[in-house]
């Protein structure tokens, strides 16, 4: 059992030190995005990326961009709760 814990800790440490962590967290967010934000927002957002504690959301729908701008704090809160840690500090809507 102790060996598994060591492997788990080694993987956590590796991910924390590599660029992969943001990509994996973006995939986690992408999987639960519809549940977090609803069907309509999920349908019209095309790309979700995390770069250095910033969540980048891409959409081509102007009214949705405006709505997401107003919801930035709510998005940060929901995503951080879903990830179980305070990862996102800023949201950029493109």
N, C-alpha and C. Protein backbone atom coordinates (compact mmCIF):
# COMPACT_ATOMS: atom_id res chain seq x y z
N UNK A 1 0.82 -1.20 0.00
CA UNK A 1 0.00 0.00 0.00
C UNK A 1 0.86 1.25 0.00
N UNK A 2 1.97 1.23 0.77
CA UNK A 2 2.86 2.37 0.83
C UNK A 2 3.48 2.67 -0.53
N UNK A 3 3.76 1.62 -1.30
CA UNK A 3 4.34 1.80 -2.62
C UNK A 3 3.39 2.55 -3.55
N UNK A 4 2.11 2.24 -3.51
CA UNK A 4 1.12 2.92 -4.33
C UNK A 4 1.06 4.39 -3.98
N UNK A 5 1.11 4.69 -2.70
CA UNK A 5 1.09 6.08 -2.27
C UNK A 5 2.32 6.82 -2.80
N UNK A 6 3.47 6.17 -2.79
CA UNK A 6 4.69 6.79 -3.30
C UNK A 6 4.57 7.05 -4.79
N UNK A 7 4.01 6.11 -5.54
CA UNK A 7 3.81 6.29 -6.98
C UNK A 7 2.84 7.43 -7.24
N UNK A 8 1.78 7.47 -6.46
CA UNK A 8 0.79 8.53 -6.60
C UNK A 8 1.43 9.90 -6.32
N UNK A 9 2.22 9.98 -5.28
CA UNK A 9 2.90 11.22 -4.95
C UNK A 9 3.91 11.60 -6.04
N UNK A 10 4.61 10.61 -6.57
CA UNK A 10 5.57 10.86 -7.65
C UNK A 10 4.86 11.42 -8.88
N UNK A 11 3.71 10.86 -9.22
CA UNK A 11 2.94 11.37 -10.36
C UNK A 11 2.44 12.79 -10.12
N UNK A 12 1.94 13.05 -8.92
CA UNK A 12 1.48 14.40 -8.57
C UNK A 12 2.61 15.40 -8.70
N UNK A 13 3.77 15.03 -8.18
CA UNK A 13 4.93 15.92 -8.24
C UNK A 13 5.34 16.16 -9.69
N UNK A 14 5.36 15.11 -10.49
CA UNK A 14 5.70 15.25 -11.90
C UNK A 14 4.74 16.19 -12.61
N UNK A 15 3.44 15.99 -12.40
CA UNK A 15 2.43 16.84 -13.04
C UNK A 15 2.54 18.28 -12.59
N UNK A 16 2.80 18.50 -11.32
CA UNK A 16 2.93 19.86 -10.81
C UNK A 16 4.11 20.59 -11.43
N UNK A 17 5.14 19.85 -11.81
CA UNK A 17 6.34 20.46 -12.37
C UNK A 17 6.32 20.50 -13.89
N UNK A 18 5.35 19.90 -14.52
CA UNK A 18 5.33 19.86 -15.98
C UNK A 18 4.17 20.70 -16.53
N UNK A 19 4.19 20.91 -17.83
CA UNK A 19 3.12 21.64 -18.50
C UNK A 19 1.88 20.78 -18.66
N UNK A 20 2.00 19.49 -18.47
CA UNK A 20 0.88 18.58 -18.68
C UNK A 20 -0.28 18.82 -17.72
N UNK A 21 0.01 19.33 -16.54
CA UNK A 21 -1.04 19.51 -15.54
C UNK A 21 -2.16 20.41 -16.07
N UNK A 22 -1.80 21.53 -16.67
CA UNK A 22 -2.80 22.43 -17.22
C UNK A 22 -3.62 21.78 -18.31
N UNK A 23 -2.96 20.99 -19.16
CA UNK A 23 -3.66 20.30 -20.23
C UNK A 23 -4.62 19.26 -19.68
N UNK A 24 -4.18 18.53 -18.66
CA UNK A 24 -5.06 17.53 -18.04
C UNK A 24 -6.24 18.19 -17.34
N UNK A 25 -6.00 19.30 -16.68
CA UNK A 25 -7.09 20.01 -16.01
C UNK A 25 -8.06 20.58 -17.04
N UNK A 26 -7.55 21.06 -18.17
CA UNK A 26 -8.42 21.56 -19.24
C UNK A 26 -9.30 20.43 -19.76
N UNK A 27 -8.74 19.23 -19.88
CA UNK A 27 -9.54 18.08 -20.31
C UNK A 27 -10.62 17.75 -19.28
N UNK A 28 -10.27 17.84 -17.99
CA UNK A 28 -11.26 17.60 -16.94
C UNK A 28 -12.39 18.62 -17.05
N UNK A 29 -12.03 19.87 -17.24
CA UNK A 29 -13.03 20.93 -17.36
C UNK A 29 -13.89 20.70 -18.59
N UNK A 30 -13.26 20.34 -19.70
CA UNK A 30 -13.99 20.09 -20.94
C UNK A 30 -15.03 19.00 -20.76
N UNK A 31 -14.69 17.96 -20.00
CA UNK A 31 -15.61 16.85 -19.76
C UNK A 31 -16.84 17.26 -18.94
N UNK A 32 -16.66 18.20 -18.01
CA UNK A 32 -17.77 18.58 -17.14
C UNK A 32 -18.32 19.97 -17.46
N UNK A 33 -17.86 20.57 -18.56
CA UNK A 33 -18.24 21.94 -18.91
C UNK A 33 -19.75 22.10 -19.03
N UNK A 34 -20.42 21.16 -19.69
CA UNK A 34 -21.88 21.26 -19.84
C UNK A 34 -22.57 21.24 -18.48
N UNK A 35 -22.11 20.39 -17.60
CA UNK A 35 -22.71 20.32 -16.26
C UNK A 35 -22.46 21.62 -15.48
N UNK A 36 -21.28 22.19 -15.64
CA UNK A 36 -20.94 23.42 -14.93
C UNK A 36 -21.69 24.65 -15.46
N UNK A 37 -21.77 24.76 -16.79
CA UNK A 37 -22.25 26.00 -17.39
C UNK A 37 -23.59 25.88 -18.11
N UNK A 38 -24.05 24.67 -18.33
CA UNK A 38 -25.33 24.48 -19.02
C UNK A 38 -25.14 24.10 -20.48
N UNK A 39 -26.20 23.57 -21.05
CA UNK A 39 -26.17 23.04 -22.42
C UNK A 39 -25.89 24.12 -23.47
N UNK A 40 -26.54 25.26 -23.35
CA UNK A 40 -26.40 26.31 -24.36
C UNK A 40 -24.98 26.85 -24.41
N UNK A 41 -24.44 27.19 -23.25
CA UNK A 41 -23.07 27.72 -23.22
C UNK A 41 -22.10 26.66 -23.71
N UNK A 42 -22.29 25.43 -23.29
CA UNK A 42 -21.42 24.33 -23.72
C UNK A 42 -21.44 24.16 -25.24
N UNK A 43 -22.61 24.30 -25.82
CA UNK A 43 -22.77 24.09 -27.26
C UNK A 43 -22.01 25.14 -28.07
N UNK A 44 -21.90 26.36 -27.56
CA UNK A 44 -21.30 27.44 -28.33
C UNK A 44 -19.90 27.86 -27.87
N UNK A 45 -19.31 27.12 -26.95
CA UNK A 45 -17.91 27.35 -26.61
C UNK A 45 -17.08 26.27 -27.28
N UNK A 46 -16.00 26.67 -27.93
CA UNK A 46 -15.27 25.74 -28.80
C UNK A 46 -13.96 25.24 -28.22
N UNK A 47 -13.32 26.03 -27.39
CA UNK A 47 -12.01 25.66 -26.89
C UNK A 47 -11.86 26.12 -25.45
N UNK A 48 -11.32 25.24 -24.63
CA UNK A 48 -11.05 25.56 -23.23
C UNK A 48 -9.60 25.17 -22.96
N UNK A 49 -8.80 26.16 -22.55
CA UNK A 49 -7.38 25.91 -22.27
C UNK A 49 -7.00 26.58 -20.96
N UNK A 50 -6.01 26.03 -20.29
CA UNK A 50 -5.47 26.64 -19.08
C UNK A 50 -3.99 26.92 -19.32
N UNK A 51 -3.62 28.17 -19.14
CA UNK A 51 -2.22 28.57 -19.23
C UNK A 51 -1.91 29.43 -18.02
N UNK A 52 -1.03 28.95 -17.17
CA UNK A 52 -0.58 29.67 -15.97
C UNK A 52 -1.74 30.27 -15.17
N UNK A 53 -2.63 29.44 -14.71
CA UNK A 53 -3.75 29.81 -13.84
C UNK A 53 -4.81 30.68 -14.54
N UNK A 54 -4.75 30.75 -15.87
CA UNK A 54 -5.74 31.50 -16.62
C UNK A 54 -6.52 30.54 -17.50
N UNK A 55 -7.85 30.61 -17.41
CA UNK A 55 -8.73 29.78 -18.22
C UNK A 55 -9.11 30.57 -19.47
N UNK A 56 -8.78 30.04 -20.63
CA UNK A 56 -9.11 30.67 -21.90
C UNK A 56 -10.31 29.94 -22.50
N UNK A 57 -11.37 30.69 -22.78
CA UNK A 57 -12.60 30.14 -23.36
C UNK A 57 -12.80 30.80 -24.71
N UNK A 58 -13.02 30.00 -25.74
CA UNK A 58 -13.22 30.54 -27.09
C UNK A 58 -14.65 30.30 -27.56
N UNK A 59 -15.26 31.36 -28.08
CA UNK A 59 -16.58 31.27 -28.69
C UNK A 59 -16.68 32.29 -29.81
N UNK A 60 -17.52 32.01 -30.81
CA UNK A 60 -17.71 32.95 -31.92
C UNK A 60 -19.03 33.70 -31.80
N UNK A 61 -19.76 33.46 -30.72
CA UNK A 61 -21.07 34.07 -30.53
C UNK A 61 -20.91 35.31 -29.64
N UNK A 62 -21.08 36.49 -30.25
CA UNK A 62 -20.85 37.76 -29.54
C UNK A 62 -21.69 37.92 -28.27
N UNK A 63 -22.99 37.65 -28.30
CA UNK A 63 -23.77 37.79 -27.06
C UNK A 63 -23.29 36.85 -25.95
N UNK A 64 -22.83 35.66 -26.33
CA UNK A 64 -22.31 34.72 -25.34
C UNK A 64 -21.01 35.24 -24.75
N UNK A 65 -20.16 35.83 -25.58
CA UNK A 65 -18.93 36.44 -25.08
C UNK A 65 -19.25 37.46 -23.99
N UNK A 66 -20.24 38.29 -24.27
CA UNK A 66 -20.64 39.32 -23.32
C UNK A 66 -21.15 38.69 -22.01
N UNK A 67 -21.98 37.68 -22.14
CA UNK A 67 -22.53 37.00 -20.96
C UNK A 67 -21.42 36.35 -20.13
N UNK A 68 -20.47 35.71 -20.80
CA UNK A 68 -19.37 35.07 -20.10
C UNK A 68 -18.48 36.10 -19.39
N UNK A 69 -18.35 37.28 -19.99
CA UNK A 69 -17.57 38.36 -19.35
C UNK A 69 -18.18 38.72 -18.00
N UNK A 70 -19.51 38.77 -17.95
CA UNK A 70 -20.19 39.10 -16.70
C UNK A 70 -20.09 37.97 -15.67
N UNK A 71 -19.89 36.76 -16.14
CA UNK A 71 -19.88 35.59 -15.25
C UNK A 71 -18.47 35.12 -14.85
N UNK A 72 -17.45 35.91 -15.11
CA UNK A 72 -16.07 35.47 -14.86
C UNK A 72 -15.85 34.95 -13.44
N UNK A 73 -16.29 35.70 -12.44
CA UNK A 73 -16.08 35.28 -11.05
C UNK A 73 -16.80 33.96 -10.76
N UNK A 74 -18.01 33.83 -11.29
CA UNK A 74 -18.79 32.60 -11.11
C UNK A 74 -18.09 31.42 -11.79
N UNK A 75 -17.54 31.65 -12.98
CA UNK A 75 -16.83 30.59 -13.70
C UNK A 75 -15.61 30.14 -12.90
N UNK A 76 -14.85 31.09 -12.38
CA UNK A 76 -13.67 30.76 -11.59
C UNK A 76 -14.06 29.91 -10.39
N UNK A 77 -15.11 30.32 -9.71
CA UNK A 77 -15.56 29.60 -8.52
C UNK A 77 -16.00 28.17 -8.87
N UNK A 78 -16.82 28.03 -9.90
CA UNK A 78 -17.33 26.72 -10.28
C UNK A 78 -16.23 25.78 -10.74
N UNK A 79 -15.31 26.28 -11.56
CA UNK A 79 -14.24 25.44 -12.09
C UNK A 79 -13.31 25.01 -10.96
N UNK A 80 -12.95 25.93 -10.09
CA UNK A 80 -12.07 25.57 -8.98
C UNK A 80 -12.72 24.55 -8.05
N UNK A 81 -14.00 24.70 -7.81
CA UNK A 81 -14.72 23.70 -7.00
C UNK A 81 -14.71 22.34 -7.68
N UNK A 82 -14.92 22.32 -8.99
CA UNK A 82 -14.95 21.06 -9.73
C UNK A 82 -13.59 20.38 -9.74
N UNK A 83 -12.51 21.16 -9.79
CA UNK A 83 -11.17 20.60 -9.81
C UNK A 83 -10.68 20.24 -8.41
N UNK A 84 -11.35 20.78 -7.40
CA UNK A 84 -10.98 20.47 -6.03
C UNK A 84 -9.77 21.24 -5.52
N UNK A 85 -9.35 22.25 -6.26
CA UNK A 85 -8.25 23.10 -5.83
C UNK A 85 -8.35 24.44 -6.53
N UNK A 86 -7.68 25.43 -5.98
CA UNK A 86 -7.74 26.78 -6.53
C UNK A 86 -6.72 26.91 -7.66
N UNK A 87 -7.13 26.53 -8.85
CA UNK A 87 -6.25 26.52 -10.02
C UNK A 87 -6.42 27.79 -10.84
N UNK A 88 -7.67 28.16 -11.08
CA UNK A 88 -7.98 29.28 -11.97
C UNK A 88 -8.04 30.59 -11.17
N UNK A 89 -7.32 31.57 -11.66
CA UNK A 89 -7.32 32.89 -11.01
C UNK A 89 -7.90 33.96 -11.94
N UNK A 90 -7.94 33.65 -13.24
CA UNK A 90 -8.43 34.61 -14.22
C UNK A 90 -9.09 33.87 -15.38
N UNK A 91 -10.06 34.53 -16.02
CA UNK A 91 -10.74 33.97 -17.20
C UNK A 91 -10.59 34.95 -18.35
N UNK A 92 -10.22 34.44 -19.51
CA UNK A 92 -10.11 35.26 -20.72
C UNK A 92 -11.09 34.67 -21.73
N UNK A 93 -11.94 35.54 -22.27
CA UNK A 93 -12.92 35.12 -23.28
C UNK A 93 -12.42 35.61 -24.64
N UNK A 94 -12.29 34.69 -25.57
CA UNK A 94 -11.83 35.05 -26.93
C UNK A 94 -12.96 34.87 -27.92
